[in-house]
Amino acid sequence: MPELSTTTWIVLAGAAATYLTRIGGHLILSQFRAIPPRVEAALNAVPAAVLTTLVAPAAVFEGTAESLTLLVAFAAAFHLPMMGTFAVGWIAILVFRAVLG
């Protein structure tokens, strides 16, 4: 039997961690008859928290084009649905990177 590479072990470990995280959350929440309001509020805050951890470093460390794109996307989010905001942000980053270098 061939020996598994380090990359294969990393992928398998990541898959196992993802599965255990998802099933663990399901098992814990299935113990409640109804989700308590504080737990529901915390769960509703997760997408914004994750998005912030992905976007904030780009705004701080990447450059002017990325910071301007975040401002444009932020403004667009008040007027457009999610896919529209994504499209505006995508176009903005392409334009700002082309113009600003």
PDB file of N, CA and C in Angstrom:
ATOM      1  N   MET A   1       0.845  -1.177   0.000  1.00  0.00           N
ATOM      2  CA  MET A   1       0.000   0.000   0.000  1.00  0.00           C
ATOM      3  C   MET A   1       0.892   1.242   0.000  1.00  0.00           C
ATOM      4  N   PRO A   2       0.607   2.218  -0.908  1.00  0.00           N
ATOM      5  CA  PRO A   2       1.461   3.407  -0.969  1.00  0.00           C
ATOM      6  C   PRO A   2       1.263   4.299   0.259  1.00  0.00           C
ATOM      7  N   GLU A   3       2.335   4.978   0.623  1.00  0.00           N
ATOM      8  CA  GLU A   3       2.282   5.884   1.770  1.00  0.00           C
ATOM      9  C   GLU A   3       1.598   7.188   1.360  1.00  0.00           C
ATOM     10  N   LEU A   4       0.753   7.708   2.252  1.00  0.00           N
ATOM     11  CA  LEU A   4       0.041   8.951   1.962  1.00  0.00           C
ATOM     12  C   LEU A   4       0.963  10.147   2.168  1.00  0.00           C
ATOM     13  N   SER A   5       0.822  11.135   1.282  1.00  0.00           N
ATOM     14  CA  SER A   5       1.659  12.330   1.376  1.00  0.00           C
ATOM     15  C   SER A   5       1.151  13.247   2.486  1.00  0.00           C
ATOM     16  N   THR A   6       1.980  14.204   2.832  1.00  0.00           N
ATOM     17  CA  THR A   6       1.611  15.184   3.846  1.00  0.00           C
ATOM     18  C   THR A   6       0.373  15.968   3.421  1.00  0.00           C
ATOM     19  N   THR A   7       0.301  16.318   2.153  1.00  0.00           N
ATOM     20  CA  THR A   7      -0.856  17.053   1.644  1.00  0.00           C
ATOM     21  C   THR A   7      -2.132  16.245   1.817  1.00  0.00           C
ATOM     22  N   THR A   8      -2.061  14.957   1.537  1.00  0.00           N
ATOM     23  CA  THR A   8      -3.236  14.096   1.701  1.00  0.00           C
ATOM     24  C   THR A   8      -3.678  14.065   3.153  1.00  0.00           C
ATOM     25  N   TRP A   9      -2.742  13.960   4.084  1.00  0.00           N
ATOM     26  CA  TRP A   9      -3.082  13.956   5.505  1.00  0.00           C
ATOM     27  C   TRP A   9      -3.706  15.280   5.927  1.00  0.00           C
ATOM     28  N   ILE A  10      -3.201  16.388   5.387  1.00  0.00           N
ATOM     29  CA  ILE A  10      -3.761  17.700   5.711  1.00  0.00           C
ATOM     30  C   ILE A  10      -5.197  17.799   5.199  1.00  0.00           C
ATOM     31  N   VAL A  11      -5.432  17.350   3.989  1.00  0.00           N
ATOM     32  CA  VAL A  11      -6.786  17.383   3.428  1.00  0.00           C
ATOM     33  C   VAL A  11      -7.727  16.511   4.249  1.00  0.00           C
ATOM     34  N   LEU A  12      -7.282  15.318   4.611  1.00  0.00           N
ATOM     35  CA  LEU A  12      -8.118  14.421   5.416  1.00  0.00           C
ATOM     36  C   LEU A  12      -8.402  15.017   6.800  1.00  0.00           C
ATOM     37  N   ALA A  13      -7.403  15.616   7.415  1.00  0.00           N
ATOM     38  CA  ALA A  13      -7.594  16.244   8.729  1.00  0.00           C
ATOM     39  C   ALA A  13      -8.552  17.428   8.631  1.00  0.00           C
ATOM     40  N   GLY A  14      -8.426  18.212   7.576  1.00  0.00           N
ATOM     41  CA  GLY A  14      -9.348  19.335   7.367  1.00  0.00           C
ATOM     42  C   GLY A  14     -10.777  18.856   7.149  1.00  0.00           C
ATOM     43  N   ALA A  15     -10.934  17.784   6.384  1.00  0.00           N
ATOM     44  CA  ALA A  15     -12.268  17.227   6.153  1.00  0.00           C
ATOM     45  C   ALA A  15     -12.867  16.711   7.457  1.00  0.00           C
ATOM     46  N   ALA A  16     -12.062  16.025   8.249  1.00  0.00           N
ATOM     47  CA  ALA A  16     -12.551  15.499   9.531  1.00  0.00           C
ATOM     48  C   ALA A  16     -12.931  16.638  10.472  1.00  0.00           C
ATOM     49  N   ALA A  17     -12.104  17.680  10.534  1.00  0.00           N
ATOM     50  CA  ALA A  17     -12.401  18.816  11.410  1.00  0.00           C
ATOM     51  C   ALA A  17     -13.682  19.523  10.971  1.00  0.00           C
ATOM     52  N   THR A  18     -13.853  19.679   9.670  1.00  0.00           N
ATOM     53  CA  THR A  18     -15.066  20.314   9.161  1.00  0.00           C
ATOM     54  C   THR A  18     -16.291  19.480   9.502  1.00  0.00           C
ATOM     55  N   TYR A  19     -16.204  18.186   9.270  1.00  0.00           N
ATOM     56  CA  TYR A  19     -17.334  17.299   9.564  1.00  0.00           C
ATOM     57  C   TYR A  19     -17.672  17.318  11.051  1.00  0.00           C
ATOM     58  N   LEU A  20     -16.661  17.185  11.907  1.00  0.00           N
ATOM     59  CA  LEU A  20     -16.907  17.157  13.348  1.00  0.00           C
ATOM     60  C   LEU A  20     -17.489  18.481  13.845  1.00  0.00           C
ATOM     61  N   THR A  21     -17.030  19.585  13.286  1.00  0.00           N
ATOM     62  CA  THR A  21     -17.571  20.885  13.666  1.00  0.00           C
ATOM     63  C   THR A  21     -19.038  20.996  13.288  1.00  0.00           C
ATOM     64  N   ARG A  22     -19.358  20.593  12.076  1.00  0.00           N
ATOM     65  CA  ARG A  22     -20.754  20.693  11.623  1.00  0.00           C
ATOM     66  C   ARG A  22     -21.671  19.736  12.382  1.00  0.00           C
ATOM     67  N   ILE A  23     -21.274  18.507  12.532  1.00  0.00           N
ATOM     68  CA  ILE A  23     -22.123  17.535  13.219  1.00  0.00           C
ATOM     69  C   ILE A  23     -22.214  17.866  14.707  1.00  0.00           C
ATOM     70  N   GLY A  24     -21.121  18.395  15.284  1.00  0.00           N
ATOM     71  CA  GLY A  24     -21.142  18.780  16.691  1.00  0.00           C
ATOM     72  C   GLY A  24     -22.141  19.889  16.960  1.00  0.00           C
ATOM     73  N   GLY A  25     -22.158  20.893  16.103  1.00  0.00           N
ATOM     74  CA  GLY A  25     -23.135  21.974  16.245  1.00  0.00           C
ATOM     75  C   GLY A  25     -24.557  21.463  16.123  1.00  0.00           C
ATOM     76  N   HIS A  26     -24.770  20.571  15.177  1.00  0.00           N
ATOM     77  CA  HIS A  26     -26.109  19.989  14.999  1.00  0.00           C
ATOM     78  C   HIS A  26     -26.519  19.193  16.235  1.00  0.00           C
ATOM     79  N   LEU A  27     -25.604  18.385  16.751  1.00  0.00           N
ATOM     80  CA  LEU A  27     -25.933  17.571  17.925  1.00  0.00           C
ATOM     81  C   LEU A  27     -26.241  18.433  19.149  1.00  0.00           C
ATOM     82  N   ILE A  28     -25.494  19.500  19.322  1.00  0.00           N
ATOM     83  CA  ILE A  28     -25.742  20.383  20.472  1.00  0.00           C
ATOM     84  C   ILE A  28     -27.085  21.096  20.322  1.00  0.00           C
ATOM     85  N   LEU A  29     -27.343  21.662  19.147  1.00  0.00           N
ATOM     86  CA  LEU A  29     -28.588  22.401  18.954  1.00  0.00           C
ATOM     87  C   LEU A  29     -29.810  21.497  18.948  1.00  0.00           C
ATOM     88  N   SER A  30     -29.639  20.227  18.587  1.00  0.00           N
ATOM     89  CA  SER A  30     -30.785  19.321  18.573  1.00  0.00           C
ATOM     90  C   SER A  30     -31.247  18.969  19.987  1.00  0.00           C
ATOM     91  N   GLN A  31     -30.458  19.301  21.003  1.00  0.00           N
ATOM     92  CA  GLN A  31     -30.841  19.041  22.384  1.00  0.00           C
ATOM     93  C   GLN A  31     -31.846  20.075  22.907  1.00  0.00           C
ATOM     94  N   PHE A  32     -31.965  21.203  22.232  1.00  0.00           N
ATOM     95  CA  PHE A  32     -32.900  22.244  22.641  1.00  0.00           C
ATOM     96  C   PHE A  32     -34.264  22.010  21.994  1.00  0.00           C
ATOM     97  N   ARG A  33     -35.331  22.261  22.745  1.00  0.00           N
ATOM     98  CA  ARG A  33     -36.669  22.222  22.134  1.00  0.00           C
ATOM     99  C   ARG A  33     -36.845  23.427  21.223  1.00  0.00           C
ATOM    100  N   ALA A  34     -36.376  24.565  21.704  1.00  0.00           N
ATOM    101  CA  ALA A  34     -36.372  25.802  20.920  1.00  0.00           C
ATOM    102  C   ALA A  34     -35.033  26.473  21.178  1.00  0.00           C
ATOM    103  N   ILE A  35     -34.520  27.120  20.174  1.00  0.00           N
ATOM    104  CA  ILE A  35     -33.230  27.788  20.321  1.00  0.00           C
ATOM    105  C   ILE A  35     -33.436  29.042  21.169  1.00  0.00           C
ATOM    106  N   PRO A  36     -32.688  29.175  22.265  1.00  0.00           N
ATOM    107  CA  PRO A  36     -32.817  30.373  23.105  1.00  0.00           C
ATOM    108  C   PRO A  36     -32.470  31.634  22.309  1.00  0.00           C
ATOM    109  N   PRO A  37     -33.130  32.751  22.623  1.00  0.00           N
ATOM    110  CA  PRO A  37     -32.902  33.988  21.862  1.00  0.00           C
ATOM    111  C   PRO A  37     -31.444  34.436  21.840  1.00  0.00           C
ATOM    112  N   ARG A  38     -30.717  34.258  22.936  1.00  0.00           N
ATOM    113  CA  ARG A  38     -29.309  34.679  22.959  1.00  0.00           C
ATOM    114  C   ARG A  38     -28.464  33.801  22.045  1.00  0.00           C
ATOM    115  N   VAL A  39     -28.758  32.513  21.999  1.00  0.00           N
ATOM    116  CA  VAL A  39     -28.030  31.611  21.102  1.00  0.00           C
ATOM    117  C   VAL A  39     -28.353  31.958  19.653  1.00  0.00           C
ATOM    118  N   GLU A  40     -29.619  32.223  19.377  1.00  0.00           N
ATOM    119  CA  GLU A  40     -30.008  32.590  18.013  1.00  0.00           C
ATOM    120  C   GLU A  40     -29.337  33.890  17.587  1.00  0.00           C
ATOM    121  N   ALA A  41     -29.270  34.865  18.488  1.00  0.00           N
ATOM    122  CA  ALA A  41     -28.601  36.129  18.175  1.00  0.00           C
ATOM    123  C   ALA A  41     -27.118  35.896  17.888  1.00  0.00           C
ATOM    124  N   ALA A  42     -26.485  35.034  18.683  1.00  0.00           N
ATOM    125  CA  ALA A  42     -25.066  34.722  18.450  1.00  0.00           C
ATOM    126  C   ALA A  42     -24.874  34.032  17.112  1.00  0.00           C
ATOM    127  N   LEU A  43     -25.739  33.097  16.777  1.00  0.00           N
ATOM    128  CA  LEU A  43     -25.626  32.402  15.492  1.00  0.00           C
ATOM    129  C   LEU A  43     -25.863  33.346  14.323  1.00  0.00           C
ATOM    130  N   ASN A  44     -26.765  34.302  14.493  1.00  0.00           N
ATOM    131  CA  ASN A  44     -27.013  35.277  13.428  1.00  0.00           C
ATOM    132  C   ASN A  44     -25.831  36.211  13.232  1.00  0.00           C
ATOM    133  N   ALA A  45     -24.998  36.390  14.260  1.00  0.00           N
ATOM    134  CA  ALA A  45     -23.836  37.272  14.152  1.00  0.00           C
ATOM    135  C   ALA A  45     -22.632  36.591  13.506  1.00  0.00           C
ATOM    136  N   VAL A  46     -22.650  35.288  13.382  1.00  0.00           N
ATOM    137  CA  VAL A  46     -21.489  34.553  12.859  1.00  0.00           C
ATOM    138  C   VAL A  46     -21.115  34.962  11.435  1.00  0.00           C
ATOM    139  N   PRO A  47     -22.057  35.050  10.482  1.00  0.00           N
ATOM    140  CA  PRO A  47     -21.631  35.428   9.121  1.00  0.00           C
ATOM    141  C   PRO A  47     -20.922  36.775   9.062  1.00  0.00           C
ATOM    142  N   ALA A  48     -21.428  37.766   9.797  1.00  0.00           N
ATOM    143  CA  ALA A  48     -20.773  39.080   9.793  1.00  0.00           C
ATOM    144  C   ALA A  48     -19.389  39.005  10.417  1.00  0.00           C
ATOM    145  N   ALA A  49     -19.239  38.213  11.459  1.00  0.00           N
ATOM    146  CA  ALA A  49     -17.935  38.071  12.114  1.00  0.00           C
ATOM    147  C   ALA A  49     -16.927  37.393  11.191  1.00  0.00           C
ATOM    148  N   VAL A  50     -17.366  36.361  10.501  1.00  0.00           N
ATOM    149  CA  VAL A  50     -16.470  35.654   9.573  1.00  0.00           C
ATOM    150  C   VAL A  50     -16.087  36.571   8.418  1.00  0.00           C
ATOM    151  N   LEU A  51     -17.060  37.285   7.875  1.00  0.00           N
ATOM    152  CA  LEU A  51     -16.776  38.202   6.774  1.00  0.00           C
ATOM    153  C   LEU A  51     -15.783  39.277   7.200  1.00  0.00           C
ATOM    154  N   THR A  52     -15.936  39.774   8.401  1.00  0.00           N
ATOM    155  CA  THR A  52     -15.013  40.792   8.911  1.00  0.00           C
ATOM    156  C   THR A  52     -13.594  40.254   9.009  1.00  0.00           C
ATOM    157  N   THR A  53     -13.445  39.013   9.468  1.00  0.00           N
ATOM    158  CA  THR A  53     -12.097  38.446   9.585  1.00  0.00           C
ATOM    159  C   THR A  53     -11.456  38.222   8.221  1.00  0.00           C
ATOM    160  N   LEU A  54     -12.259  38.079   7.184  1.00  0.00           N
ATOM    161  CA  LEU A  54     -11.708  37.899   5.842  1.00  0.00           C
ATOM    162  C   LEU A  54     -11.407  39.229   5.160  1.00  0.00           C
ATOM    163  N   VAL A  55     -12.231  40.234   5.428  1.00  0.00           N
ATOM    164  CA  VAL A  55     -12.124  41.505   4.716  1.00  0.00           C
ATOM    165  C   VAL A  55     -11.193  42.495   5.400  1.00  0.00           C
ATOM    166  N   ALA A  56     -11.212  42.557   6.709  1.00  0.00           N
ATOM    167  CA  ALA A  56     -10.425  43.561   7.438  1.00  0.00           C
ATOM    168  C   ALA A  56      -8.926  43.505   7.123  1.00  0.00           C
ATOM    169  N   PRO A  57      -8.300  42.340   7.089  1.00  0.00           N
ATOM    170  CA  PRO A  57      -6.863  42.336   6.754  1.00  0.00           C
ATOM    171  C   PRO A  57      -6.563  42.903   5.366  1.00  0.00           C
ATOM    172  N   ALA A  58      -7.449  42.675   4.412  1.00  0.00           N
ATOM    173  CA  ALA A  58      -7.232  43.231   3.075  1.00  0.00           C
ATOM    174  C   ALA A  58      -7.291  44.752   3.117  1.00  0.00           C
ATOM    175  N   ALA A  59      -8.221  45.288   3.890  1.00  0.00           N
ATOM    176  CA  ALA A  59      -8.343  46.742   3.975  1.00  0.00           C
ATOM    177  C   ALA A  59      -7.134  47.362   4.648  1.00  0.00           C
ATOM    178  N   VAL A  60      -6.568  46.669   5.608  1.00  0.00           N
ATOM    179  CA  VAL A  60      -5.465  47.233   6.388  1.00  0.00           C
ATOM    180  C   VAL A  60      -4.115  47.014   5.721  1.00  0.00           C
ATOM    181  N   PHE A  61      -3.899  45.831   5.171  1.00  0.00           N
ATOM    182  CA  PHE A  61      -2.554  45.459   4.728  1.00  0.00           C
ATOM    183  C   PHE A  61      -2.337  45.440   3.221  1.00  0.00           C
ATOM    184  N   GLU A  62      -3.379  45.394   2.423  1.00  0.00           N
ATOM    185  CA  GLU A  62      -3.182  45.181   0.987  1.00  0.00           C
ATOM    186  C   GLU A  62      -2.894  46.454   0.206  1.00  0.00           C
ATOM    187  N   GLY A  63      -3.669  47.500   0.405  1.00  0.00           N
ATOM    188  CA  GLY A  63      -3.374  48.710  -0.342  1.00  0.00           C
ATOM    189  C   GLY A  63      -4.588  49.576  -0.585  1.00  0.00           C
ATOM    190  N   THR A  64      -4.362  50.625  -1.346  1.00  0.00           N
ATOM    191  CA  THR A  64      -5.400  51.619  -1.607  1.00  0.00           C
ATOM    192  C   THR A  64      -6.541  51.043  -2.436  1.00  0.00           C
ATOM    193  N   ALA A  65      -6.241  50.250  -3.447  1.00  0.00           N
ATOM    194  CA  ALA A  65      -7.289  49.690  -4.302  1.00  0.00           C
ATOM    195  C   ALA A  65      -8.266  48.850  -3.492  1.00  0.00           C
ATOM    196  N   GLU A  66      -7.751  48.046  -2.596  1.00  0.00           N
ATOM    197  CA  GLU A  66      -8.603  47.193  -1.785  1.00  0.00           C
ATOM    198  C   GLU A  66      -9.444  48.005  -0.811  1.00  0.00           C
ATOM    199  N   SER A  67      -8.847  49.014  -0.209  1.00  0.00           N
ATOM    200  CA  SER A  67      -9.583  49.872   0.727  1.00  0.00           C
ATOM    201  C   SER A  67     -10.701  50.631   0.016  1.00  0.00           C
ATOM    202  N   LEU A  68     -10.413  51.164  -1.156  1.00  0.00           N
ATOM    203  CA  LEU A  68     -11.445  51.865  -1.922  1.00  0.00           C
ATOM    204  C   LEU A  68     -12.557  50.915  -2.356  1.00  0.00           C
ATOM    205  N   THR A  69     -12.181  49.704  -2.728  1.00  0.00           N
ATOM    206  CA  THR A  69     -13.182  48.716  -3.124  1.00  0.00           C
ATOM    207  C   THR A  69     -14.106  48.388  -1.966  1.00  0.00           C
ATOM    208  N   LEU A  70     -13.554  48.266  -0.773  1.00  0.00           N
ATOM    209  CA  LEU A  70     -14.396  47.998   0.396  1.00  0.00           C
ATOM    210  C   LEU A  70     -15.385  49.133   0.638  1.00  0.00           C
ATOM    211  N   LEU A  71     -14.952  50.358   0.457  1.00  0.00           N
ATOM    212  CA  LEU A  71     -15.861  51.488   0.619  1.00  0.00           C
ATOM    213  C   LEU A  71     -16.973  51.463  -0.430  1.00  0.00           C
ATOM    214  N   VAL A  72     -16.616  51.169  -1.673  1.00  0.00           N
ATOM    215  CA  VAL A  72     -17.609  51.094  -2.747  1.00  0.00           C
ATOM    216  C   VAL A  72     -18.596  49.961  -2.480  1.00  0.00           C
ATOM    217  N   ALA A  73     -18.089  48.793  -2.100  1.00  0.00           N
ATOM    218  CA  ALA A  73     -18.962  47.653  -1.822  1.00  0.00           C
ATOM    219  C   ALA A  73     -19.856  47.921  -0.611  1.00  0.00           C
ATOM    220  N   PHE A  74     -19.309  48.585   0.402  1.00  0.00           N
ATOM    221  CA  PHE A  74     -20.097  48.938   1.578  1.00  0.00           C
ATOM    222  C   PHE A  74     -21.267  49.833   1.186  1.00  0.00           C
ATOM    223  N   ALA A  75     -20.993  50.847   0.361  1.00  0.00           N
ATOM    224  CA  ALA A  75     -22.065  51.739  -0.095  1.00  0.00           C
ATOM    225  C   ALA A  75     -23.066  50.995  -0.969  1.00  0.00           C
ATOM    226  N   ALA A  76     -22.580  50.115  -1.829  1.00  0.00           N
ATOM    227  CA  ALA A  76     -23.470  49.358  -2.719  1.00  0.00           C
ATOM    228  C   ALA A  76     -24.369  48.410  -1.936  1.00  0.00           C
ATOM    229  N   ALA A  77     -23.880  47.899  -0.815  1.00  0.00           N
ATOM    230  CA  ALA A  77     -24.653  46.940  -0.019  1.00  0.00           C
ATOM    231  C   ALA A  77     -25.939  47.543   0.522  1.00  0.00           C
ATOM    232  N   PHE A  78     -25.994  48.853   0.663  1.00  0.00           N
ATOM    233  CA  PHE A  78     -27.208  49.495   1.142  1.00  0.00           C
ATOM    234  C   PHE A  78     -28.277  49.606   0.063  1.00  0.00           C
ATOM    235  N   HIS A  79     -27.880  49.439  -1.204  1.00  0.00           N
ATOM    236  CA  HIS A  79     -28.807  49.664  -2.299  1.00  0.00           C
ATOM    237  C   HIS A  79     -29.036  48.448  -3.186  1.00  0.00           C
ATOM    238  N   LEU A  80     -28.197  47.429  -3.071  1.00  0.00           N
ATOM    239  CA  LEU A  80     -28.265  46.284  -3.973  1.00  0.00           C
ATOM    240  C   LEU A  80     -28.383  44.978  -3.192  1.00  0.00           C
ATOM    241  N   PRO A  81     -28.906  43.946  -3.843  1.00  0.00           N
ATOM    242  CA  PRO A  81     -28.871  42.626  -3.202  1.00  0.00           C
ATOM    243  C   PRO A  81     -27.433  42.103  -3.156  1.00  0.00           C
ATOM    244  N   MET A  82     -27.241  40.979  -2.499  1.00  0.00           N
ATOM    245  CA  MET A  82     -25.893  40.454  -2.274  1.00  0.00           C
ATOM    246  C   MET A  82     -25.118  40.236  -3.575  1.00  0.00           C
ATOM    247  N   MET A  83     -25.733  39.631  -4.565  1.00  0.00           N
ATOM    248  CA  MET A  83     -25.011  39.371  -5.823  1.00  0.00           C
ATOM    249  C   MET A  83     -24.674  40.676  -6.547  1.00  0.00           C
ATOM    250  N   GLY A  84     -25.552  41.660  -6.441  1.00  0.00           N
ATOM    251  CA  GLY A  84     -25.256  42.966  -7.035  1.00  0.00           C
ATOM    252  C   GLY A  84     -24.071  43.620  -6.350  1.00  0.00           C
ATOM    253  N   THR A  85     -24.036  43.516  -5.024  1.00  0.00           N
ATOM    254  CA  THR A  85     -22.906  44.058  -4.261  1.00  0.00           C
ATOM    255  C   THR A  85     -21.620  43.343  -4.636  1.00  0.00           C
ATOM    256  N   PHE A  86     -21.692  42.026  -4.772  1.00  0.00           N
ATOM    257  CA  PHE A  86     -20.517  41.254  -5.189  1.00  0.00           C
ATOM    258  C   PHE A  86     -20.022  41.715  -6.559  1.00  0.00           C
ATOM    259  N   ALA A  87     -20.954  41.896  -7.498  1.00  0.00           N
ATOM    260  CA  ALA A  87     -20.576  42.320  -8.847  1.00  0.00           C
ATOM    261  C   ALA A  87     -19.937  43.709  -8.829  1.00  0.00           C
ATOM    262  N   VAL A  88     -20.517  44.630  -8.068  1.00  0.00           N
ATOM    263  CA  VAL A  88     -19.958  45.981  -7.979  1.00  0.00           C
ATOM    264  C   VAL A  88     -18.561  45.932  -7.362  1.00  0.00           C
ATOM    265  N   GLY A  89     -18.388  45.141  -6.307  1.00  0.00           N
ATOM    266  CA  GLY A  89     -17.075  45.008  -5.672  1.00  0.00           C
ATOM    267  C   GLY A  89     -16.049  44.403  -6.605  1.00  0.00           C
ATOM    268  N   TRP A  90     -16.466  43.399  -7.359  1.00  0.00           N
ATOM    269  CA  TRP A  90     -15.561  42.737  -8.299  1.00  0.00           C
ATOM    270  C   TRP A  90     -15.104  43.709  -9.382  1.00  0.00           C
ATOM    271  N   ILE A  91     -16.054  44.459  -9.925  1.00  0.00           N
ATOM    272  CA  ILE A  91     -15.707  45.442 -10.955  1.00  0.00           C
ATOM    273  C   ILE A  91     -14.828  46.547 -10.358  1.00  0.00           C
ATOM    274  N   ALA A  92     -15.163  46.981  -9.150  1.00  0.00           N
ATOM    275  CA  ALA A  92     -14.387  48.050  -8.510  1.00  0.00           C
ATOM    276  C   ALA A  92     -12.938  47.631  -8.290  1.00  0.00           C
ATOM    277  N   ILE A  93     -12.706  46.406  -7.802  1.00  0.00           N
ATOM    278  CA  ILE A  93     -11.321  45.992  -7.545  1.00  0.00           C
ATOM    279  C   ILE A  93     -10.539  45.903  -8.853  1.00  0.00           C
ATOM    280  N   LEU A  94     -11.190  45.443  -9.922  1.00  0.00           N
ATOM    281  CA  LEU A  94     -10.509  45.373 -11.221  1.00  0.00           C
ATOM    282  C   LEU A  94     -10.139  46.787 -11.719  1.00  0.00           C
ATOM    283  N   VAL A  95     -11.080  47.708 -11.597  1.00  0.00           N
ATOM    284  CA  VAL A  95     -10.818  49.076 -12.064  1.00  0.00           C
ATOM    285  C   VAL A  95      -9.754  49.751 -11.202  1.00  0.00           C
ATOM    286  N   PHE A  96      -9.904  49.657  -9.869  1.00  0.00           N
ATOM    287  CA  PHE A  96      -8.928  50.317  -9.000  1.00  0.00           C
ATOM    288  C   PHE A  96      -7.532  49.734  -9.159  1.00  0.00           C
ATOM    289  N   ARG A  97      -7.425  48.435  -9.322  1.00  0.00           N
ATOM    290  CA  ARG A  97      -6.102  47.837  -9.501  1.00  0.00           C
ATOM    291  C   ARG A  97      -5.497  48.243 -10.833  1.00  0.00           C
ATOM    292  N   ALA A  98      -6.339  48.373 -11.879  1.00  0.00           N
ATOM    293  CA  ALA A  98      -5.832  48.797 -13.186  1.00  0.00           C
ATOM    294  C   ALA A  98      -5.384  50.261 -13.152  1.00  0.00           C
ATOM    295  N   VAL A  99      -6.144  51.089 -12.455  1.00  0.00           N
ATOM    296  CA  VAL A  99      -5.840  52.517 -12.415  1.00  0.00           C
ATOM    297  C   VAL A  99      -4.690  52.823 -11.435  1.00  0.00           C
ATOM    298  N   LEU A 100      -4.750  52.199 -10.267  1.00  0.00           N
ATOM    299  CA  LEU A 100      -3.759  52.510  -9.225  1.00  0.00           C
ATOM    300  C   LEU A 100      -2.508  51.631  -9.267  1.00  0.00           C
ATOM    301  N   GLY A 101      -2.598  50.574 -10.038  1.00  0.00           N
ATOM    302  CA  GLY A 101      -1.420  49.716 -10.172  1.00  0.00           C
ATOM    303  C   GLY A 101      -1.313  48.606  -9.277  1.00  0.00           C
TER     304      GLY A 101
END
